Amino acid sequence: MVIAILKIIGALGILLIAIGILNKKRKTQKVYYIIGGICLLTYSVYINDLIFIILQIIFTATAIYELTKTKK
């Protein structure tokens, strides 16, 4: 049950990032990236893939930085 939920969270992360790519509003795009990145980070911790964990931390942190930068 937990495994299925974590796989759904991972799939949701991919879906949200894809929606973010298609979204033309920069702020909304970054929000999709952040939520999707957190979902994929959760999944990557579950599968215990260090490279993917680092990638998702960098991706999510960059999206958060970009979002705060565009709000100013």
PDB file of N, CA and C in Angstrom:
ATOM      1  N   MET A   1       0.830  -1.201   0.000  1.00  0.00           N
ATOM      2  CA  MET A   1       0.000   0.000   0.000  1.00  0.00           C
ATOM      3  C   MET A   1       0.870   1.258   0.000  1.00  0.00           C
ATOM      4  N   VAL A   2       1.840   1.308   0.905  1.00  0.00           N
ATOM      5  CA  VAL A   2       2.733   2.474   0.980  1.00  0.00           C
ATOM      6  C   VAL A   2       3.533   2.602  -0.309  1.00  0.00           C
ATOM      7  N   ILE A   3       3.974   1.460  -0.859  1.00  0.00           N
ATOM      8  CA  ILE A   3       4.751   1.474  -2.101  1.00  0.00           C
ATOM      9  C   ILE A   3       3.922   2.075  -3.231  1.00  0.00           C
ATOM     10  N   ALA A   4       2.664   1.679  -3.329  1.00  0.00           N
ATOM     11  CA  ALA A   4       1.786   2.202  -4.377  1.00  0.00           C
ATOM     12  C   ALA A   4       1.583   3.704  -4.218  1.00  0.00           C
ATOM     13  N   ILE A   5       1.413   4.162  -2.997  1.00  0.00           N
ATOM     14  CA  ILE A   5       1.227   5.598  -2.743  1.00  0.00           C
ATOM     15  C   ILE A   5       2.476   6.373  -3.157  1.00  0.00           C
ATOM     16  N   LEU A   6       3.650   5.853  -2.824  1.00  0.00           N
ATOM     17  CA  LEU A   6       4.891   6.546  -3.181  1.00  0.00           C
ATOM     18  C   LEU A   6       5.105   6.562  -4.696  1.00  0.00           C
ATOM     19  N   LYS A   7       4.703   5.514  -5.376  1.00  0.00           N
ATOM     20  CA  LYS A   7       4.795   5.511  -6.846  1.00  0.00           C
ATOM     21  C   LYS A   7       3.830   6.527  -7.448  1.00  0.00           C
ATOM     22  N   ILE A   8       2.665   6.655  -6.858  1.00  0.00           N
ATOM     23  CA  ILE A   8       1.698   7.664  -7.319  1.00  0.00           C
ATOM     24  C   ILE A   8       2.256   9.064  -7.077  1.00  0.00           C
ATOM     25  N   ILE A   9       2.900   9.273  -5.941  1.00  0.00           N
ATOM     26  CA  ILE A   9       3.523  10.572  -5.652  1.00  0.00           C
ATOM     27  C   ILE A   9       4.599  10.882  -6.693  1.00  0.00           C
ATOM     28  N   GLY A  10       5.406   9.884  -7.053  1.00  0.00           N
ATOM     29  CA  GLY A  10       6.429  10.075  -8.083  1.00  0.00           C
ATOM     30  C   GLY A  10       5.810  10.422  -9.430  1.00  0.00           C
ATOM     31  N   ALA A  11       4.761   9.699  -9.806  1.00  0.00           N
ATOM     32  CA  ALA A  11       4.074   9.970 -11.076  1.00  0.00           C
ATOM     33  C   ALA A  11       3.438  11.358 -11.061  1.00  0.00           C
ATOM     34  N   LEU A  12       2.880  11.747  -9.928  1.00  0.00           N
ATOM     35  CA  LEU A  12       2.306  13.082  -9.792  1.00  0.00           C
ATOM     36  C   LEU A  12       3.388  14.153  -9.984  1.00  0.00           C
ATOM     37  N   GLY A  13       4.575  13.899  -9.447  1.00  0.00           N
ATOM     38  CA  GLY A  13       5.683  14.837  -9.622  1.00  0.00           C
ATOM     39  C   GLY A  13       6.034  15.042 -11.084  1.00  0.00           C
ATOM     40  N   ILE A  14       6.103  13.951 -11.830  1.00  0.00           N
ATOM     41  CA  ILE A  14       6.394  14.054 -13.263  1.00  0.00           C
ATOM     42  C   ILE A  14       5.298  14.835 -13.974  1.00  0.00           C
ATOM     43  N   LEU A  15       4.055  14.533 -13.635  1.00  0.00           N
ATOM     44  CA  LEU A  15       2.917  15.217 -14.254  1.00  0.00           C
ATOM     45  C   LEU A  15       2.947  16.714 -13.966  1.00  0.00           C
ATOM     46  N   LEU A  16       3.215  17.092 -12.721  1.00  0.00           N
ATOM     47  CA  LEU A  16       3.243  18.511 -12.352  1.00  0.00           C
ATOM     48  C   LEU A  16       4.378  19.253 -13.063  1.00  0.00           C
ATOM     49  N   ILE A  17       5.526  18.624 -13.178  1.00  0.00           N
ATOM     50  CA  ILE A  17       6.636  19.270 -13.893  1.00  0.00           C
ATOM     51  C   ILE A  17       6.291  19.428 -15.370  1.00  0.00           C
ATOM     52  N   ALA A  18       5.646  18.425 -15.958  1.00  0.00           N
ATOM     53  CA  ALA A  18       5.223  18.528 -17.359  1.00  0.00           C
ATOM     54  C   ALA A  18       4.219  19.655 -17.542  1.00  0.00           C
ATOM     55  N   ILE A  19       3.273  19.777 -16.626  1.00  0.00           N
ATOM     56  CA  ILE A  19       2.306  20.883 -16.684  1.00  0.00           C
ATOM     57  C   ILE A  19       3.042  22.216 -16.559  1.00  0.00           C
ATOM     58  N   GLY A  20       4.030  22.273 -15.678  1.00  0.00           N
ATOM     59  CA  GLY A  20       4.822  23.489 -15.520  1.00  0.00           C
ATOM     60  C   GLY A  20       5.533  23.888 -16.801  1.00  0.00           C
ATOM     61  N   ILE A  21       6.037  22.899 -17.517  1.00  0.00           N
ATOM     62  CA  ILE A  21       6.720  23.181 -18.788  1.00  0.00           C
ATOM     63  C   ILE A  21       5.752  23.804 -19.782  1.00  0.00           C
ATOM     64  N   LEU A  22       4.531  23.312 -19.798  1.00  0.00           N
ATOM     65  CA  LEU A  22       3.534  23.810 -20.751  1.00  0.00           C
ATOM     66  C   LEU A  22       2.918  25.136 -20.333  1.00  0.00           C
ATOM     67  N   ASN A  23       3.029  25.487 -19.056  1.00  0.00           N
ATOM     68  CA  ASN A  23       2.445  26.715 -18.538  1.00  0.00           C
ATOM     69  C   ASN A  23       3.298  27.916 -18.933  1.00  0.00           C
ATOM     70  N   LYS A  24       2.672  28.956 -19.402  1.00  0.00           N
ATOM     71  CA  LYS A  24       3.408  30.141 -19.858  1.00  0.00           C
ATOM     72  C   LYS A  24       3.587  31.201 -18.781  1.00  0.00           C
ATOM     73  N   LYS A  25       2.822  31.113 -17.686  1.00  0.00           N
ATOM     74  CA  LYS A  25       2.969  32.082 -16.599  1.00  0.00           C
ATOM     75  C   LYS A  25       4.141  31.657 -15.725  1.00  0.00           C
ATOM     76  N   ARG A  26       5.159  32.491 -15.643  1.00  0.00           N
ATOM     77  CA  ARG A  26       6.405  32.140 -14.964  1.00  0.00           C
ATOM     78  C   ARG A  26       6.209  31.750 -13.496  1.00  0.00           C
ATOM     79  N   LYS A  27       5.421  32.539 -12.758  1.00  0.00           N
ATOM     80  CA  LYS A  27       5.239  32.248 -11.332  1.00  0.00           C
ATOM     81  C   LYS A  27       4.504  30.926 -11.131  1.00  0.00           C
ATOM     82  N   THR A  28       3.455  30.715 -11.911  1.00  0.00           N
ATOM     83  CA  THR A  28       2.701  29.467 -11.814  1.00  0.00           C
ATOM     84  C   THR A  28       3.583  28.289 -12.218  1.00  0.00           C
ATOM     85  N   GLN A  29       4.391  28.487 -13.236  1.00  0.00           N
ATOM     86  CA  GLN A  29       5.313  27.459 -13.699  1.00  0.00           C
ATOM     87  C   GLN A  29       6.260  27.028 -12.576  1.00  0.00           C
ATOM     88  N   LYS A  30       6.792  27.988 -11.865  1.00  0.00           N
ATOM     89  CA  LYS A  30       7.725  27.682 -10.770  1.00  0.00           C
ATOM     90  C   LYS A  30       7.035  26.929  -9.638  1.00  0.00           C
ATOM     91  N   VAL A  31       5.779  27.272  -9.363  1.00  0.00           N
ATOM     92  CA  VAL A  31       5.025  26.567  -8.319  1.00  0.00           C
ATOM     93  C   VAL A  31       4.847  25.094  -8.709  1.00  0.00           C
ATOM     94  N   TYR A  32       4.500  24.850  -9.968  1.00  0.00           N
ATOM     95  CA  TYR A  32       4.399  23.466 -10.447  1.00  0.00           C
ATOM     96  C   TYR A  32       5.745  22.750 -10.305  1.00  0.00           C
ATOM     97  N   TYR A  33       6.822  23.435 -10.662  1.00  0.00           N
ATOM     98  CA  TYR A  33       8.158  22.842 -10.538  1.00  0.00           C
ATOM     99  C   TYR A  33       8.480  22.492  -9.081  1.00  0.00           C
ATOM    100  N   ILE A  34       8.149  23.384  -8.172  1.00  0.00           N
ATOM    101  CA  ILE A  34       8.461  23.158  -6.757  1.00  0.00           C
ATOM    102  C   ILE A  34       7.667  21.965  -6.216  1.00  0.00           C
ATOM    103  N   ILE A  35       6.375  21.950  -6.450  1.00  0.00           N
ATOM    104  CA  ILE A  35       5.552  20.851  -5.935  1.00  0.00           C
ATOM    105  C   ILE A  35       5.947  19.531  -6.609  1.00  0.00           C
ATOM    106  N   GLY A  36       6.148  19.574  -7.913  1.00  0.00           N
ATOM    107  CA  GLY A  36       6.579  18.373  -8.631  1.00  0.00           C
ATOM    108  C   GLY A  36       7.942  17.887  -8.162  1.00  0.00           C
ATOM    109  N   GLY A  37       8.850  18.827  -7.929  1.00  0.00           N
ATOM    110  CA  GLY A  37      10.182  18.472  -7.445  1.00  0.00           C
ATOM    111  C   GLY A  37      10.139  17.841  -6.063  1.00  0.00           C
ATOM    112  N   ILE A  38       9.277  18.349  -5.202  1.00  0.00           N
ATOM    113  CA  ILE A  38       9.136  17.771  -3.865  1.00  0.00           C
ATOM    114  C   ILE A  38       8.556  16.352  -3.957  1.00  0.00           C
ATOM    115  N   CYS A  39       7.587  16.170  -4.844  1.00  0.00           N
ATOM    116  CA  CYS A  39       7.025  14.828  -5.040  1.00  0.00           C
ATOM    117  C   CYS A  39       8.110  13.851  -5.530  1.00  0.00           C
ATOM    118  N   LEU A  40       8.888  14.281  -6.509  1.00  0.00           N
ATOM    119  CA  LEU A  40       9.945  13.412  -7.023  1.00  0.00           C
ATOM    120  C   LEU A  40      11.069  13.216  -6.015  1.00  0.00           C
ATOM    121  N   LEU A  41      11.330  14.221  -5.195  1.00  0.00           N
ATOM    122  CA  LEU A  41      12.317  14.059  -4.126  1.00  0.00           C
ATOM    123  C   LEU A  41      11.846  13.005  -3.131  1.00  0.00           C
ATOM    124  N   THR A  42      10.578  13.046  -2.791  1.00  0.00           N
ATOM    125  CA  THR A  42      10.006  12.040  -1.892  1.00  0.00           C
ATOM    126  C   THR A  42      10.185  10.635  -2.476  1.00  0.00           C
ATOM    127  N   TYR A  43       9.878  10.496  -3.761  1.00  0.00           N
ATOM    128  CA  TYR A  43      10.022   9.202  -4.418  1.00  0.00           C
ATOM    129  C   TYR A  43      11.485   8.776  -4.495  1.00  0.00           C
ATOM    130  N   SER A  44      12.376   9.712  -4.790  1.00  0.00           N
ATOM    131  CA  SER A  44      13.795   9.358  -4.909  1.00  0.00           C
ATOM    132  C   SER A  44      14.381   8.946  -3.561  1.00  0.00           C
ATOM    133  N   VAL A  45      13.897   9.522  -2.470  1.00  0.00           N
ATOM    134  CA  VAL A  45      14.323   9.084  -1.135  1.00  0.00           C
ATOM    135  C   VAL A  45      13.819   7.662  -0.897  1.00  0.00           C
ATOM    136  N   TYR A  46      12.591   7.393  -1.318  1.00  0.00           N
ATOM    137  CA  TYR A  46      12.025   6.055  -1.164  1.00  0.00           C
ATOM    138  C   TYR A  46      12.856   5.000  -1.914  1.00  0.00           C
ATOM    139  N   ILE A  47      13.266   5.308  -3.156  1.00  0.00           N
ATOM    140  CA  ILE A  47      14.046   4.330  -3.921  1.00  0.00           C
ATOM    141  C   ILE A  47      15.531   4.376  -3.559  1.00  0.00           C
ATOM    142  N   ASN A  48      15.886   5.329  -2.703  1.00  0.00           N
ATOM    143  CA  ASN A  48      17.251   5.437  -2.183  1.00  0.00           C
ATOM    144  C   ASN A  48      18.295   5.629  -3.295  1.00  0.00           C
ATOM    145  N   ASP A  49      17.991   6.560  -4.203  1.00  0.00           N
ATOM    146  CA  ASP A  49      18.893   6.863  -5.314  1.00  0.00           C
ATOM    147  C   ASP A  49      19.549   8.218  -5.046  1.00  0.00           C
ATOM    148  N   LEU A  50      20.797   8.180  -4.590  1.00  0.00           N
ATOM    149  CA  LEU A  50      21.501   9.392  -4.170  1.00  0.00           C
ATOM    150  C   LEU A  50      21.624  10.418  -5.289  1.00  0.00           C
ATOM    151  N   ILE A  51      21.914   9.978  -6.487  1.00  0.00           N
ATOM    152  CA  ILE A  51      22.064  10.918  -7.614  1.00  0.00           C
ATOM    153  C   ILE A  51      20.734  11.626  -7.882  1.00  0.00           C
ATOM    154  N   PHE A  52      19.637  10.881  -7.874  1.00  0.00           N
ATOM    155  CA  PHE A  52      18.317  11.459  -8.108  1.00  0.00           C
ATOM    156  C   PHE A  52      17.909  12.376  -6.956  1.00  0.00           C
ATOM    157  N   ILE A  53      18.281  12.013  -5.738  1.00  0.00           N
ATOM    158  CA  ILE A  53      17.990  12.869  -4.577  1.00  0.00           C
ATOM    159  C   ILE A  53      18.689  14.219  -4.736  1.00  0.00           C
ATOM    160  N   ILE A  54      19.978  14.183  -5.083  1.00  0.00           N
ATOM    161  CA  ILE A  54      20.745  15.421  -5.270  1.00  0.00           C
ATOM    162  C   ILE A  54      20.151  16.247  -6.411  1.00  0.00           C
ATOM    163  N   LEU A  55      19.802  15.581  -7.511  1.00  0.00           N
ATOM    164  CA  LEU A  55      19.193  16.279  -8.647  1.00  0.00           C
ATOM    165  C   LEU A  55      17.911  16.987  -8.231  1.00  0.00           C
ATOM    166  N   GLN A  56      17.057  16.305  -7.491  1.00  0.00           N
ATOM    167  CA  GLN A  56      15.784  16.900  -7.092  1.00  0.00           C
ATOM    168  C   GLN A  56      15.967  18.032  -6.086  1.00  0.00           C
ATOM    169  N   ILE A  57      16.946  17.919  -5.213  1.00  0.00           N
ATOM    170  CA  ILE A  57      17.234  19.020  -4.280  1.00  0.00           C
ATOM    171  C   ILE A  57      17.662  20.261  -5.063  1.00  0.00           C
ATOM    172  N   ILE A  58      18.559  20.073  -6.018  1.00  0.00           N
ATOM    173  CA  ILE A  58      19.041  21.196  -6.833  1.00  0.00           C
ATOM    174  C   ILE A  58      17.893  21.782  -7.661  1.00  0.00           C
ATOM    175  N   PHE A  59      17.104  20.909  -8.300  1.00  0.00           N
ATOM    176  CA  PHE A  59      15.986  21.360  -9.131  1.00  0.00           C
ATOM    177  C   PHE A  59      14.974  22.160  -8.315  1.00  0.00           C
ATOM    178  N   THR A  60      14.592  21.625  -7.164  1.00  0.00           N
ATOM    179  CA  THR A  60      13.597  22.287  -6.323  1.00  0.00           C
ATOM    180  C   THR A  60      14.132  23.587  -5.730  1.00  0.00           C
ATOM    181  N   ALA A  61      15.376  23.568  -5.265  1.00  0.00           N
ATOM    182  CA  ALA A  61      15.985  24.781  -4.701  1.00  0.00           C
ATOM    183  C   ALA A  61      16.086  25.874  -5.764  1.00  0.00           C
ATOM    184  N   THR A  62      16.428  25.491  -6.980  1.00  0.00           N
ATOM    185  CA  THR A  62      16.523  26.461  -8.071  1.00  0.00           C
ATOM    186  C   THR A  62      15.147  27.056  -8.379  1.00  0.00           C
ATOM    187  N   ALA A  63      14.133  26.226  -8.395  1.00  0.00           N
ATOM    188  CA  ALA A  63      12.771  26.719  -8.654  1.00  0.00           C
ATOM    189  C   ALA A  63      12.312  27.661  -7.541  1.00  0.00           C
ATOM    190  N   ILE A  64      12.640  27.332  -6.288  1.00  0.00           N
ATOM    191  CA  ILE A  64      12.291  28.214  -5.171  1.00  0.00           C
ATOM    192  C   ILE A  64      13.026  29.546  -5.305  1.00  0.00           C
ATOM    193  N   TYR A  65      14.308  29.494  -5.631  1.00  0.00           N
ATOM    194  CA  TYR A  65      15.095  30.718  -5.825  1.00  0.00           C
ATOM    195  C   TYR A  65      14.492  31.563  -6.952  1.00  0.00           C
ATOM    196  N   GLU A  66      14.182  30.930  -8.073  1.00  0.00           N
ATOM    197  CA  GLU A  66      13.607  31.652  -9.214  1.00  0.00           C
ATOM    198  C   GLU A  66      12.256  32.271  -8.853  1.00  0.00           C
ATOM    199  N   LEU A  67      11.448  31.556  -8.076  1.00  0.00           N
ATOM    200  CA  LEU A  67      10.151  32.087  -7.671  1.00  0.00           C
ATOM    201  C   LEU A  67      10.311  33.315  -6.782  1.00  0.00           C
ATOM    202  N   THR A  68      11.218  33.241  -5.821  1.00  0.00           N
ATOM    203  CA  THR A  68      11.430  34.398  -4.934  1.00  0.00           C
ATOM    204  C   THR A  68      12.042  35.563  -5.689  1.00  0.00           C
ATOM    205  N   LYS A  69      12.864  35.270  -6.674  1.00  0.00           N
ATOM    206  CA  LYS A  69      13.475  36.311  -7.487  1.00  0.00           C
ATOM    207  C   LYS A  69      12.441  37.006  -8.362  1.00  0.00           C
ATOM    208  N   THR A  70      11.476  36.287  -8.893  1.00  0.00           N
ATOM    209  CA  THR A  70      10.470  36.893  -9.776  1.00  0.00           C
ATOM    210  C   THR A  70       9.414  37.661  -8.999  1.00  0.00           C
ATOM    211  N   LYS A  71       9.264  37.402  -7.706  1.00  0.00           N
ATOM    212  CA  LYS A  71       8.279  38.134  -6.908  1.00  0.00           C
ATOM    213  C   LYS A  71       8.713  39.556  -6.631  1.00  0.00           C
ATOM    214  N   LYS A  72      10.006  39.837  -6.675  1.00  0.00           N
ATOM    215  CA  LYS A  72      10.507  41.171  -6.353  1.00  0.00           C
ATOM    216  C   LYS A  72      10.263  42.151  -7.459  1.00  0.00           C
TER     217      LYS A  72
END
